[in-house]
Amino acid sequence: MRITHSRLSIFAVALAVMFALTLSHAPVRAASDSESYVQQNINVGLQILNDGSLSQAQKRDKFRAFILQLTDMQRIAMFALGRYKRGASDKDVSDFVAAFTDYANAVYEQHLAKYKGQTMKVISSTDRSPTDHVVNVQVPATNGGQPINAAFRVETDGSRPVVIDVEVEGVWLAITQRDQFAGYLQQNGGNLPALSAYLTKQAEVIRSNHSENG
């Protein structure tokens, strides 16, 4: 299995915003409220990324702390693991969550520099149901390129809003990641420690490449 990174430059911020929304307790009752809510949390993440008073190392550390503070990595990792969590030992699950967390942070670190000076703006939303909204956002084009389109799917039927997936350029990322992990495990006899080792190795490769290019 090869876990692709072509869309992860926007994924880094999108995930941070997604998890911030998931853990917040502010009420969201309609699509228009969802739009305001998503934009507000986007601004928090981008404020860190665009803070010119911080060195790259300080910015990386602050953004990592922001992500870890707002993220229930256990929950996200369990979703990504899917049906393979059934029957896995507590140790194997714990090791997977640790490897998943390290891998995610490596991805965020790799793409941090690409967001200097950029913005992400809510442009519209659609209602799938009275409590299920898709909020569409866009990163403006730079250097003659095309704008990047993304979306957050927000459920508002509980005591707090929950963003259940992020879509980037037509790909729903949480579902795609779960499929990639499932593909790896199918090819490796359901060997969860092997997947954890793979993610740990990928994190090392990402950081090595980032250091060489940075």
N, C-alpha and C. Protein backbone atom coordinates (compact mmCIF):
# COMPACT_ATOMS: atom_id res chain seq x y z
N MET A 1 0.84 -1.20 0.00
CA MET A 1 0.00 0.00 0.00
C MET A 1 0.87 1.24 0.00
N ARG A 2 0.50 2.26 -0.74
CA ARG A 2 1.15 3.57 -0.71
C ARG A 2 0.11 4.60 -0.34
N ILE A 3 0.32 5.31 0.75
CA ILE A 3 -0.60 6.35 1.18
C ILE A 3 -0.18 7.64 0.49
N THR A 4 -1.03 8.18 -0.37
CA THR A 4 -0.66 9.32 -1.21
C THR A 4 -0.71 10.62 -0.43
N HIS A 5 0.11 11.60 -0.87
CA HIS A 5 0.21 12.88 -0.19
C HIS A 5 -0.12 14.05 -1.09
N SER A 6 -0.67 13.83 -2.27
CA SER A 6 -0.85 14.90 -3.24
C SER A 6 -1.79 15.99 -2.76
N ARG A 7 -2.74 15.65 -1.91
CA ARG A 7 -3.70 16.65 -1.43
C ARG A 7 -3.45 17.07 0.01
N LEU A 8 -2.35 16.62 0.60
CA LEU A 8 -2.19 16.81 2.03
C LEU A 8 -1.74 18.21 2.42
N SER A 9 -1.31 19.04 1.46
CA SER A 9 -0.94 20.40 1.83
C SER A 9 -2.13 21.17 2.37
N ILE A 10 -3.31 20.99 1.76
CA ILE A 10 -4.53 21.59 2.31
C ILE A 10 -5.09 20.73 3.42
N PHE A 11 -4.83 19.42 3.37
CA PHE A 11 -5.35 18.49 4.37
C PHE A 11 -4.86 18.87 5.76
N ALA A 12 -3.63 19.37 5.87
CA ALA A 12 -3.08 19.70 7.17
C ALA A 12 -3.95 20.71 7.90
N VAL A 13 -4.27 21.82 7.23
CA VAL A 13 -5.13 22.83 7.85
C VAL A 13 -6.55 22.31 7.97
N ALA A 14 -7.02 21.61 6.96
CA ALA A 14 -8.39 21.11 6.98
C ALA A 14 -8.62 20.20 8.17
N LEU A 15 -7.68 19.33 8.46
CA LEU A 15 -7.83 18.44 9.60
C LEU A 15 -7.82 19.20 10.92
N ALA A 16 -6.94 20.17 11.02
CA ALA A 16 -6.89 20.95 12.26
C ALA A 16 -8.22 21.64 12.51
N VAL A 17 -8.78 22.23 11.46
CA VAL A 17 -10.08 22.89 11.59
C VAL A 17 -11.16 21.87 11.87
N MET A 18 -11.11 20.74 11.18
CA MET A 18 -12.11 19.70 11.37
C MET A 18 -12.17 19.24 12.82
N PHE A 19 -10.98 19.00 13.43
CA PHE A 19 -10.94 18.50 14.79
C PHE A 19 -11.32 19.58 15.79
N ALA A 20 -10.96 20.84 15.48
CA ALA A 20 -11.37 21.95 16.34
C ALA A 20 -12.88 22.03 16.40
N LEU A 21 -13.51 21.91 15.26
CA LEU A 21 -14.97 21.95 15.22
C LEU A 21 -15.57 20.78 15.96
N THR A 22 -14.96 19.61 15.82
CA THR A 22 -15.49 18.41 16.44
C THR A 22 -15.53 18.52 17.96
N LEU A 23 -14.50 19.17 18.53
CA LEU A 23 -14.39 19.21 19.97
C LEU A 23 -15.02 20.45 20.60
N SER A 24 -15.46 21.41 19.78
CA SER A 24 -16.05 22.63 20.32
C SER A 24 -17.49 22.38 20.76
N HIS A 25 -17.98 23.25 21.63
CA HIS A 25 -19.33 23.09 22.17
C HIS A 25 -20.29 24.18 21.70
N ALA A 26 -19.86 25.06 20.80
CA ALA A 26 -20.75 26.13 20.36
C ALA A 26 -21.90 25.58 19.54
N PRO A 27 -23.12 26.11 19.72
CA PRO A 27 -24.26 25.57 18.99
C PRO A 27 -24.25 25.96 17.53
N VAL A 28 -24.66 25.02 16.68
CA VAL A 28 -24.83 25.28 15.25
C VAL A 28 -26.18 24.71 14.86
N ARG A 29 -27.06 25.57 14.30
CA ARG A 29 -28.43 25.13 14.06
C ARG A 29 -28.83 25.12 12.60
N ALA A 30 -28.06 25.78 11.73
CA ALA A 30 -28.45 25.87 10.33
C ALA A 30 -27.21 25.99 9.48
N ALA A 31 -27.44 25.88 8.15
CA ALA A 31 -26.31 25.94 7.24
C ALA A 31 -25.56 27.26 7.38
N SER A 32 -26.30 28.39 7.51
CA SER A 32 -25.63 29.68 7.64
C SER A 32 -24.80 29.74 8.90
N ASP A 33 -25.30 29.16 10.01
CA ASP A 33 -24.51 29.09 11.23
C ASP A 33 -23.27 28.22 11.03
N SER A 34 -23.42 27.15 10.29
CA SER A 34 -22.29 26.27 10.01
C SER A 34 -21.22 27.00 9.23
N GLU A 35 -21.63 27.82 8.27
CA GLU A 35 -20.66 28.60 7.49
C GLU A 35 -19.85 29.52 8.39
N SER A 36 -20.53 30.26 9.26
CA SER A 36 -19.84 31.18 10.16
C SER A 36 -18.91 30.42 11.10
N TYR A 37 -19.38 29.30 11.55
CA TYR A 37 -18.63 28.50 12.51
C TYR A 37 -17.36 27.94 11.87
N VAL A 38 -17.47 27.42 10.66
CA VAL A 38 -16.30 26.90 9.95
C VAL A 38 -15.30 28.02 9.69
N GLN A 39 -15.78 29.18 9.22
CA GLN A 39 -14.87 30.28 8.92
C GLN A 39 -14.13 30.73 10.16
N GLN A 40 -14.83 30.80 11.29
CA GLN A 40 -14.21 31.23 12.53
C GLN A 40 -13.05 30.32 12.91
N ASN A 41 -13.25 29.02 12.79
CA ASN A 41 -12.20 28.09 13.18
C ASN A 41 -11.08 28.00 12.16
N ILE A 42 -11.40 28.21 10.89
CA ILE A 42 -10.36 28.33 9.88
C ILE A 42 -9.41 29.47 10.25
N ASN A 43 -9.98 30.58 10.66
CA ASN A 43 -9.17 31.75 10.98
C ASN A 43 -8.20 31.48 12.13
N VAL A 44 -8.63 30.68 13.10
CA VAL A 44 -7.76 30.35 14.22
C VAL A 44 -6.54 29.57 13.74
N GLY A 45 -6.78 28.54 12.91
CA GLY A 45 -5.67 27.75 12.40
C GLY A 45 -4.73 28.56 11.53
N LEU A 46 -5.29 29.38 10.65
CA LEU A 46 -4.46 30.15 9.74
C LEU A 46 -3.69 31.26 10.45
N GLN A 47 -4.23 31.76 11.55
CA GLN A 47 -3.53 32.80 12.31
C GLN A 47 -2.17 32.28 12.78
N ILE A 48 -2.14 31.03 13.20
CA ILE A 48 -0.87 30.43 13.62
C ILE A 48 0.06 30.29 12.42
N LEU A 49 -0.47 29.78 11.32
CA LEU A 49 0.35 29.51 10.15
C LEU A 49 0.91 30.79 9.52
N ASN A 50 0.22 31.91 9.69
CA ASN A 50 0.63 33.16 9.06
C ASN A 50 1.30 34.13 10.03
N ASP A 51 1.65 33.66 11.22
CA ASP A 51 2.24 34.53 12.23
C ASP A 51 3.71 34.78 11.91
N GLY A 52 4.01 35.95 11.36
CA GLY A 52 5.36 36.27 10.95
C GLY A 52 6.32 36.52 12.10
N SER A 53 5.80 36.64 13.31
CA SER A 53 6.68 36.88 14.46
C SER A 53 7.33 35.60 14.97
N LEU A 54 6.88 34.45 14.46
CA LEU A 54 7.40 33.16 14.92
C LEU A 54 8.42 32.61 13.92
N SER A 55 9.44 31.96 14.44
CA SER A 55 10.35 31.23 13.57
C SER A 55 9.62 29.99 13.05
N GLN A 56 10.21 29.34 12.04
CA GLN A 56 9.58 28.14 11.51
C GLN A 56 9.46 27.07 12.60
N ALA A 57 10.49 26.94 13.42
CA ALA A 57 10.46 25.94 14.50
C ALA A 57 9.37 26.28 15.52
N GLN A 58 9.28 27.57 15.89
CA GLN A 58 8.25 27.99 16.84
C GLN A 58 6.85 27.80 16.26
N LYS A 59 6.71 28.12 14.97
CA LYS A 59 5.42 27.98 14.32
C LYS A 59 5.00 26.51 14.25
N ARG A 60 5.99 25.66 13.91
CA ARG A 60 5.71 24.23 13.84
C ARG A 60 5.27 23.70 15.20
N ASP A 61 5.99 24.09 16.26
CA ASP A 61 5.65 23.62 17.60
C ASP A 61 4.29 24.13 18.04
N LYS A 62 4.00 25.40 17.74
CA LYS A 62 2.71 25.97 18.16
C LYS A 62 1.57 25.32 17.41
N PHE A 63 1.77 25.07 16.11
CA PHE A 63 0.72 24.45 15.33
C PHE A 63 0.51 23.01 15.76
N ARG A 64 1.59 22.31 16.08
CA ARG A 64 1.47 20.93 16.56
C ARG A 64 0.71 20.90 17.88
N ALA A 65 1.04 21.84 18.78
CA ALA A 65 0.33 21.90 20.06
C ALA A 65 -1.15 22.21 19.85
N PHE A 66 -1.43 23.10 18.90
CA PHE A 66 -2.81 23.45 18.56
C PHE A 66 -3.58 22.21 18.11
N ILE A 67 -2.96 21.42 17.23
CA ILE A 67 -3.60 20.22 16.72
C ILE A 67 -3.85 19.21 17.83
N LEU A 68 -2.81 18.96 18.63
CA LEU A 68 -2.94 17.94 19.68
C LEU A 68 -3.93 18.36 20.75
N GLN A 69 -4.01 19.66 21.02
CA GLN A 69 -4.97 20.14 22.01
C GLN A 69 -6.40 19.93 21.55
N LEU A 70 -6.63 20.09 20.26
CA LEU A 70 -7.99 20.07 19.73
C LEU A 70 -8.41 18.73 19.15
N THR A 71 -7.49 17.79 19.07
CA THR A 71 -7.74 16.56 18.35
C THR A 71 -7.92 15.38 19.28
N ASP A 72 -9.00 14.63 19.07
CA ASP A 72 -9.17 13.34 19.72
C ASP A 72 -8.57 12.29 18.79
N MET A 73 -7.25 12.11 18.86
CA MET A 73 -6.59 11.20 17.93
C MET A 73 -7.06 9.76 18.09
N GLN A 74 -7.44 9.40 19.29
CA GLN A 74 -7.96 8.05 19.51
C GLN A 74 -9.19 7.82 18.64
N ARG A 75 -10.08 8.78 18.64
CA ARG A 75 -11.31 8.64 17.86
C ARG A 75 -11.03 8.61 16.37
N ILE A 76 -10.16 9.52 15.91
CA ILE A 76 -9.85 9.57 14.49
C ILE A 76 -9.14 8.30 14.05
N ALA A 77 -8.21 7.84 14.86
CA ALA A 77 -7.48 6.62 14.52
C ALA A 77 -8.42 5.42 14.46
N MET A 78 -9.36 5.34 15.38
CA MET A 78 -10.30 4.21 15.37
C MET A 78 -11.19 4.24 14.13
N PHE A 79 -11.58 5.42 13.70
CA PHE A 79 -12.36 5.51 12.47
C PHE A 79 -11.53 5.03 11.29
N ALA A 80 -10.27 5.50 11.24
CA ALA A 80 -9.40 5.12 10.13
C ALA A 80 -9.12 3.61 10.14
N LEU A 81 -9.07 3.02 11.31
CA LEU A 81 -8.79 1.59 11.42
C LEU A 81 -9.98 0.74 10.98
N GLY A 82 -11.19 1.27 11.16
CA GLY A 82 -12.38 0.56 10.69
C GLY A 82 -12.60 -0.77 11.39
N ARG A 83 -13.00 -1.75 10.62
CA ARG A 83 -13.37 -3.05 11.19
C ARG A 83 -12.18 -3.80 11.77
N TYR A 84 -10.97 -3.38 11.44
CA TYR A 84 -9.79 -4.10 11.91
C TYR A 84 -9.49 -3.85 13.38
N LYS A 85 -10.21 -2.93 14.01
CA LYS A 85 -10.02 -2.73 15.45
C LYS A 85 -10.63 -3.88 16.24
N ARG A 86 -11.60 -4.56 15.62
CA ARG A 86 -12.23 -5.68 16.33
C ARG A 86 -11.24 -6.83 16.46
N GLY A 87 -11.05 -7.30 17.67
CA GLY A 87 -10.16 -8.43 17.92
C GLY A 87 -8.71 -8.04 18.10
N ALA A 88 -8.36 -6.78 17.87
CA ALA A 88 -6.98 -6.35 18.07
C ALA A 88 -6.69 -6.20 19.56
N SER A 89 -5.46 -6.49 19.96
CA SER A 89 -5.11 -6.36 21.37
C SER A 89 -5.02 -4.89 21.75
N ASP A 90 -5.14 -4.64 23.05
CA ASP A 90 -5.05 -3.26 23.53
C ASP A 90 -3.70 -2.65 23.17
N LYS A 91 -2.64 -3.44 23.26
CA LYS A 91 -1.30 -2.93 22.94
C LYS A 91 -1.19 -2.57 21.46
N ASP A 92 -1.70 -3.44 20.59
CA ASP A 92 -1.62 -3.16 19.15
C ASP A 92 -2.41 -1.91 18.79
N VAL A 93 -3.58 -1.73 19.43
CA VAL A 93 -4.38 -0.54 19.17
C VAL A 93 -3.66 0.70 19.68
N SER A 94 -3.10 0.63 20.88
CA SER A 94 -2.38 1.76 21.45
C SER A 94 -1.18 2.14 20.58
N ASP A 95 -0.45 1.13 20.11
CA ASP A 95 0.70 1.40 19.24
C ASP A 95 0.26 2.02 17.92
N PHE A 96 -0.89 1.59 17.40
CA PHE A 96 -1.39 2.15 16.16
C PHE A 96 -1.78 3.61 16.35
N VAL A 97 -2.46 3.94 17.44
CA VAL A 97 -2.85 5.32 17.71
C VAL A 97 -1.60 6.20 17.81
N ALA A 98 -0.56 5.71 18.47
CA ALA A 98 0.67 6.49 18.58
C ALA A 98 1.32 6.70 17.22
N ALA A 99 1.37 5.64 16.40
CA ALA A 99 1.97 5.74 15.07
C ALA A 99 1.15 6.66 14.17
N PHE A 100 -0.18 6.54 14.26
CA PHE A 100 -1.07 7.38 13.47
C PHE A 100 -0.87 8.85 13.84
N THR A 101 -0.77 9.14 15.13
CA THR A 101 -0.59 10.50 15.61
C THR A 101 0.73 11.07 15.11
N ASP A 102 1.78 10.28 15.19
CA ASP A 102 3.09 10.73 14.73
C ASP A 102 3.09 10.98 13.23
N TYR A 103 2.45 10.09 12.49
CA TYR A 103 2.35 10.25 11.04
C TYR A 103 1.58 11.52 10.68
N ALA A 104 0.46 11.76 11.35
CA ALA A 104 -0.33 12.96 11.07
C ALA A 104 0.47 14.22 11.36
N ASN A 105 1.19 14.24 12.47
CA ASN A 105 1.99 15.41 12.80
C ASN A 105 3.10 15.64 11.79
N ALA A 106 3.70 14.56 11.28
CA ALA A 106 4.74 14.69 10.25
C ALA A 106 4.17 15.33 8.99
N VAL A 107 2.95 14.93 8.64
CA VAL A 107 2.30 15.52 7.47
C VAL A 107 2.08 17.01 7.68
N TYR A 108 1.59 17.39 8.87
CA TYR A 108 1.35 18.80 9.15
C TYR A 108 2.66 19.60 9.05
N GLU A 109 3.72 19.04 9.62
CA GLU A 109 5.02 19.72 9.60
C GLU A 109 5.52 19.90 8.17
N GLN A 110 5.35 18.89 7.35
CA GLN A 110 5.86 18.92 5.98
C GLN A 110 5.26 20.06 5.18
N HIS A 111 3.98 20.30 5.38
CA HIS A 111 3.28 21.25 4.53
C HIS A 111 3.07 22.61 5.18
N LEU A 112 3.62 22.80 6.35
CA LEU A 112 3.39 24.04 7.08
C LEU A 112 3.83 25.26 6.28
N ALA A 113 5.01 25.19 5.69
CA ALA A 113 5.57 26.36 5.00
C ALA A 113 4.74 26.78 3.80
N LYS A 114 3.98 25.88 3.22
CA LYS A 114 3.21 26.20 2.02
C LYS A 114 2.04 27.13 2.30
N TYR A 115 1.73 27.36 3.58
CA TYR A 115 0.56 28.17 3.91
C TYR A 115 0.89 29.59 4.31
N LYS A 116 2.15 29.99 4.17
CA LYS A 116 2.50 31.36 4.50
C LYS A 116 1.73 32.33 3.61
N GLY A 117 0.95 33.21 4.24
CA GLY A 117 0.22 34.23 3.50
C GLY A 117 -1.06 33.76 2.85
N GLN A 118 -1.43 32.50 2.98
CA GLN A 118 -2.64 32.02 2.32
C GLN A 118 -3.87 32.16 3.21
N THR A 119 -5.02 32.07 2.58
CA THR A 119 -6.30 32.13 3.27
C THR A 119 -7.17 30.97 2.82
N MET A 120 -8.19 30.71 3.58
CA MET A 120 -9.19 29.71 3.23
C MET A 120 -10.55 30.32 3.53
N LYS A 121 -11.39 30.46 2.54
CA LYS A 121 -12.64 31.22 2.71
C LYS A 121 -13.85 30.35 2.42
N VAL A 122 -14.86 30.44 3.30
CA VAL A 122 -16.14 29.77 3.06
C VAL A 122 -16.83 30.47 1.89
N ILE A 123 -17.32 29.67 0.93
CA ILE A 123 -17.97 30.26 -0.24
C ILE A 123 -19.44 29.88 -0.36
N SER A 124 -19.86 28.77 0.24
CA SER A 124 -21.26 28.36 0.15
C SER A 124 -21.50 27.17 1.05
N SER A 125 -22.75 26.73 1.12
CA SER A 125 -23.07 25.51 1.86
C SER A 125 -24.34 24.90 1.28
N THR A 126 -24.50 23.61 1.52
CA THR A 126 -25.71 22.91 1.10
C THR A 126 -26.22 22.06 2.26
N ASP A 127 -27.53 21.86 2.30
CA ASP A 127 -28.15 21.04 3.34
C ASP A 127 -28.43 19.65 2.79
N ARG A 128 -27.84 18.66 3.41
CA ARG A 128 -28.20 17.27 3.10
C ARG A 128 -29.46 16.88 3.84
N SER A 129 -29.65 17.49 4.99
CA SER A 129 -30.85 17.33 5.82
C SER A 129 -30.86 18.51 6.77
N PRO A 130 -31.90 18.66 7.61
CA PRO A 130 -31.91 19.78 8.55
C PRO A 130 -30.74 19.80 9.52
N THR A 131 -30.08 18.65 9.71
CA THR A 131 -28.97 18.59 10.67
C THR A 131 -27.67 18.11 10.02
N ASP A 132 -27.60 18.11 8.72
CA ASP A 132 -26.42 17.61 8.00
C ASP A 132 -26.08 18.61 6.91
N HIS A 133 -24.97 19.34 7.08
CA HIS A 133 -24.62 20.43 6.18
C HIS A 133 -23.23 20.21 5.59
N VAL A 134 -23.06 20.55 4.32
CA VAL A 134 -21.75 20.54 3.67
C VAL A 134 -21.35 21.99 3.44
N VAL A 135 -20.28 22.42 4.09
CA VAL A 135 -19.79 23.79 3.98
C VAL A 135 -18.60 23.79 3.02
N ASN A 136 -18.73 24.54 1.93
CA ASN A 136 -17.70 24.58 0.90
C ASN A 136 -16.74 25.73 1.13
N VAL A 137 -15.44 25.45 1.02
CA VAL A 137 -14.41 26.47 1.21
C VAL A 137 -13.45 26.43 0.03
N GLN A 138 -12.65 27.50 -0.09
CA GLN A 138 -11.72 27.58 -1.21
C GLN A 138 -10.44 28.30 -0.77
N VAL A 139 -9.31 27.75 -1.23
CA VAL A 139 -8.02 28.42 -1.09
C VAL A 139 -7.74 29.12 -2.42
N PRO A 140 -7.58 30.44 -2.44
CA PRO A 140 -7.38 31.16 -3.70
C PRO A 140 -6.16 30.67 -4.46
N ALA A 141 -6.19 30.83 -5.78
CA ALA A 141 -5.07 30.45 -6.64
C ALA A 141 -3.85 31.29 -6.34
N THR A 142 -2.67 30.67 -6.45
CA THR A 142 -1.41 31.39 -6.29
C THR A 142 -0.47 31.01 -7.42
N ASN A 143 0.39 31.95 -7.81
CA ASN A 143 1.40 31.70 -8.83
C ASN A 143 0.81 31.14 -10.12
N GLY A 144 -0.36 31.68 -10.50
CA GLY A 144 -0.97 31.26 -11.74
C GLY A 144 -1.66 29.92 -11.72
N GLY A 145 -1.75 29.30 -10.54
CA GLY A 145 -2.40 28.00 -10.44
C GLY A 145 -3.90 28.12 -10.29
N GLN A 146 -4.54 27.01 -10.01
CA GLN A 146 -5.97 26.96 -9.81
C GLN A 146 -6.31 27.03 -8.32
N PRO A 147 -7.45 27.62 -7.97
CA PRO A 147 -7.87 27.59 -6.57
C PRO A 147 -8.12 26.15 -6.11
N ILE A 148 -7.93 25.91 -4.83
CA ILE A 148 -8.16 24.58 -4.26
C ILE A 148 -9.50 24.58 -3.56
N ASN A 149 -10.36 23.64 -3.93
CA ASN A 149 -11.70 23.54 -3.34
C ASN A 149 -11.72 22.45 -2.27
N ALA A 150 -12.42 22.74 -1.20
CA ALA A 150 -12.57 21.77 -0.11
C ALA A 150 -13.95 21.94 0.51
N ALA A 151 -14.32 21.01 1.37
CA ALA A 151 -15.62 21.09 2.04
C ALA A 151 -15.54 20.37 3.38
N PHE A 152 -16.35 20.83 4.32
CA PHE A 152 -16.50 20.19 5.62
C PHE A 152 -17.94 19.71 5.74
N ARG A 153 -18.11 18.46 6.09
CA ARG A 153 -19.45 17.93 6.35
C ARG A 153 -19.72 18.03 7.85
N VAL A 154 -20.73 18.84 8.21
CA VAL A 154 -21.01 19.16 9.60
C VAL A 154 -22.36 18.56 10.00
N GLU A 155 -22.36 17.73 11.03
CA GLU A 155 -23.61 17.19 11.60
C GLU A 155 -23.95 17.98 12.85
N THR A 156 -25.23 18.35 12.99
CA THR A 156 -25.66 19.20 14.10
C THR A 156 -26.84 18.61 14.86
N ASP A 157 -26.94 17.29 14.88
CA ASP A 157 -28.09 16.66 15.53
C ASP A 157 -27.82 16.29 16.97
N GLY A 158 -26.62 16.54 17.49
CA GLY A 158 -26.30 16.22 18.87
C GLY A 158 -26.17 17.46 19.71
N SER A 159 -25.55 17.31 20.88
CA SER A 159 -25.38 18.44 21.78
C SER A 159 -24.32 19.41 21.29
N ARG A 160 -23.53 19.01 20.33
CA ARG A 160 -22.51 19.87 19.75
C ARG A 160 -22.32 19.50 18.29
N PRO A 161 -21.84 20.43 17.47
CA PRO A 161 -21.59 20.10 16.06
C PRO A 161 -20.41 19.15 15.93
N VAL A 162 -20.47 18.32 14.91
CA VAL A 162 -19.40 17.37 14.64
C VAL A 162 -19.09 17.40 13.15
N VAL A 163 -17.84 17.68 12.80
CA VAL A 163 -17.40 17.56 11.42
C VAL A 163 -16.96 16.13 11.21
N ILE A 164 -17.64 15.41 10.32
CA ILE A 164 -17.40 13.98 10.19
C ILE A 164 -16.50 13.64 9.01
N ASP A 165 -16.22 14.60 8.14
CA ASP A 165 -15.28 14.33 7.05
C ASP A 165 -14.89 15.64 6.39
N VAL A 166 -13.77 15.60 5.67
CA VAL A 166 -13.27 16.73 4.90
C VAL A 166 -13.07 16.28 3.47
N GLU A 167 -13.58 17.06 2.54
CA GLU A 167 -13.44 16.75 1.11
C GLU A 167 -12.48 17.75 0.47
N VAL A 168 -11.50 17.24 -0.27
CA VAL A 168 -10.55 18.09 -0.97
C VAL A 168 -10.51 17.67 -2.44
N GLU A 169 -10.87 18.60 -3.31
CA GLU A 169 -10.86 18.36 -4.75
C GLU A 169 -11.58 17.06 -5.12
N GLY A 170 -12.76 16.87 -4.54
CA GLY A 170 -13.61 15.74 -4.91
C GLY A 170 -13.36 14.47 -4.13
N VAL A 171 -12.40 14.46 -3.21
CA VAL A 171 -12.06 13.25 -2.46
C VAL A 171 -12.38 13.47 -0.99
N TRP A 172 -13.26 12.60 -0.44
CA TRP A 172 -13.56 12.65 0.99
C TRP A 172 -12.45 11.92 1.73
N LEU A 173 -11.67 12.67 2.53
CA LEU A 173 -10.37 12.22 2.98
C LEU A 173 -10.43 11.16 4.09
N ALA A 174 -11.32 11.30 5.05
CA ALA A 174 -11.39 10.32 6.13
C ALA A 174 -11.75 8.95 5.58
N ILE A 175 -12.68 8.92 4.66
CA ILE A 175 -13.10 7.66 4.05
C ILE A 175 -11.97 7.08 3.21
N THR A 176 -11.28 7.94 2.46
CA THR A 176 -10.17 7.47 1.63
C THR A 176 -9.06 6.89 2.48
N GLN A 177 -8.73 7.55 3.58
CA GLN A 177 -7.67 7.05 4.45
C GLN A 177 -8.05 5.70 5.05
N ARG A 178 -9.30 5.56 5.46
CA ARG A 178 -9.74 4.28 6.01
C ARG A 178 -9.63 3.19 4.95
N ASP A 179 -9.98 3.50 3.71
CA ASP A 179 -9.86 2.53 2.63
C ASP A 179 -8.41 2.14 2.39
N GLN A 180 -7.49 3.12 2.46
CA GLN A 180 -6.08 2.84 2.25
C GLN A 180 -5.53 1.93 3.35
N PHE A 181 -5.91 2.21 4.59
CA PHE A 181 -5.47 1.36 5.69
C PHE A 181 -6.03 -0.05 5.54
N ALA A 182 -7.31 -0.14 5.16
CA ALA A 182 -7.93 -1.45 4.98
C ALA A 182 -7.21 -2.23 3.87
N GLY A 183 -6.84 -1.52 2.78
CA GLY A 183 -6.12 -2.17 1.71
C GLY A 183 -4.78 -2.72 2.18
N TYR A 184 -4.07 -1.96 2.98
CA TYR A 184 -2.80 -2.43 3.51
C TYR A 184 -3.00 -3.66 4.38
N LEU A 185 -3.98 -3.60 5.28
CA LEU A 185 -4.21 -4.72 6.19
C LEU A 185 -4.68 -5.97 5.45
N GLN A 186 -5.48 -5.80 4.41
CA GLN A 186 -5.89 -6.95 3.61
C GLN A 186 -4.70 -7.62 2.95
N GLN A 187 -3.75 -6.81 2.48
CA GLN A 187 -2.57 -7.35 1.82
C GLN A 187 -1.57 -7.95 2.79
N ASN A 188 -1.72 -7.63 4.06
CA ASN A 188 -0.76 -8.10 5.07
C ASN A 188 -1.42 -8.92 6.17
N GLY A 189 -2.48 -9.62 5.81
CA GLY A 189 -3.11 -10.55 6.74
C GLY A 189 -3.65 -9.92 7.99
N GLY A 190 -4.09 -8.65 7.91
CA GLY A 190 -4.64 -7.99 9.08
C GLY A 190 -3.61 -7.67 10.13
N ASN A 191 -2.34 -7.57 9.75
CA ASN A 191 -1.23 -7.36 10.69
C ASN A 191 -1.18 -5.89 11.10
N LEU A 192 -1.82 -5.58 12.21
CA LEU A 192 -1.88 -4.20 12.68
C LEU A 192 -0.51 -3.66 13.08
N PRO A 193 0.34 -4.44 13.77
CA PRO A 193 1.69 -3.92 14.06
C PRO A 193 2.47 -3.56 12.79
N ALA A 194 2.23 -4.28 11.70
CA ALA A 194 2.91 -3.95 10.44
C ALA A 194 2.45 -2.59 9.92
N LEU A 195 1.14 -2.30 10.03
CA LEU A 195 0.64 -1.00 9.61
C LEU A 195 1.22 0.11 10.48
N SER A 196 1.31 -0.13 11.78
CA SER A 196 1.89 0.87 12.69
C SER A 196 3.34 1.13 12.32
N ALA A 197 4.09 0.07 12.03
CA ALA A 197 5.49 0.23 11.65
C ALA A 197 5.60 0.99 10.33
N TYR A 198 4.68 0.71 9.40
CA TYR A 198 4.68 1.41 8.12
C TYR A 198 4.45 2.90 8.32
N LEU A 199 3.48 3.27 9.15
CA LEU A 199 3.19 4.68 9.40
C LEU A 199 4.36 5.37 10.09
N THR A 200 5.01 4.68 11.02
CA THR A 200 6.19 5.23 11.68
C THR A 200 7.30 5.50 10.68
N LYS A 201 7.52 4.55 9.76
CA LYS A 201 8.54 4.71 8.74
C LYS A 201 8.19 5.86 7.80
N GLN A 202 6.91 5.97 7.42
CA GLN A 202 6.49 7.06 6.55
C GLN A 202 6.72 8.41 7.21
N ALA A 203 6.46 8.48 8.51
CA ALA A 203 6.70 9.73 9.23
C ALA A 203 8.17 10.11 9.18
N GLU A 204 9.05 9.11 9.32
CA GLU A 204 10.49 9.37 9.25
C GLU A 204 10.89 9.86 7.87
N VAL A 205 10.32 9.25 6.83
CA VAL A 205 10.63 9.65 5.45
C VAL A 205 10.17 11.07 5.19
N ILE A 206 8.94 11.40 5.63
CA ILE A 206 8.40 12.74 5.43
C ILE A 206 9.29 13.77 6.10
N ARG A 207 9.68 13.52 7.34
CA ARG A 207 10.51 14.49 8.06
C ARG A 207 11.89 14.61 7.42
N SER A 208 12.45 13.50 6.95
CA SER A 208 13.75 13.54 6.29
C SER A 208 13.69 14.36 5.03
N ASN A 209 12.67 14.14 4.21
CA ASN A 209 12.52 14.89 2.96
C ASN A 209 12.30 16.37 3.23
N HIS A 210 11.51 16.65 4.28
CA HIS A 210 11.23 18.04 4.63
C HIS A 210 12.51 18.76 5.05
N SER A 211 13.35 18.07 5.84
CA SER A 211 14.60 18.67 6.28
C SER A 211 15.54 18.94 5.12
N GLU A 212 15.60 18.01 4.17
CA GLU A 212 16.48 18.17 3.01
C GLU A 212 16.03 19.31 2.12
N ASN A 213 14.70 19.50 2.04
CA ASN A 213 14.16 20.55 1.16
C ASN A 213 13.96 21.88 1.86
N GLY A 214 14.11 21.84 3.20
CA GLY A 214 13.82 23.06 3.95
C GLY A 214 15.03 23.88 4.26
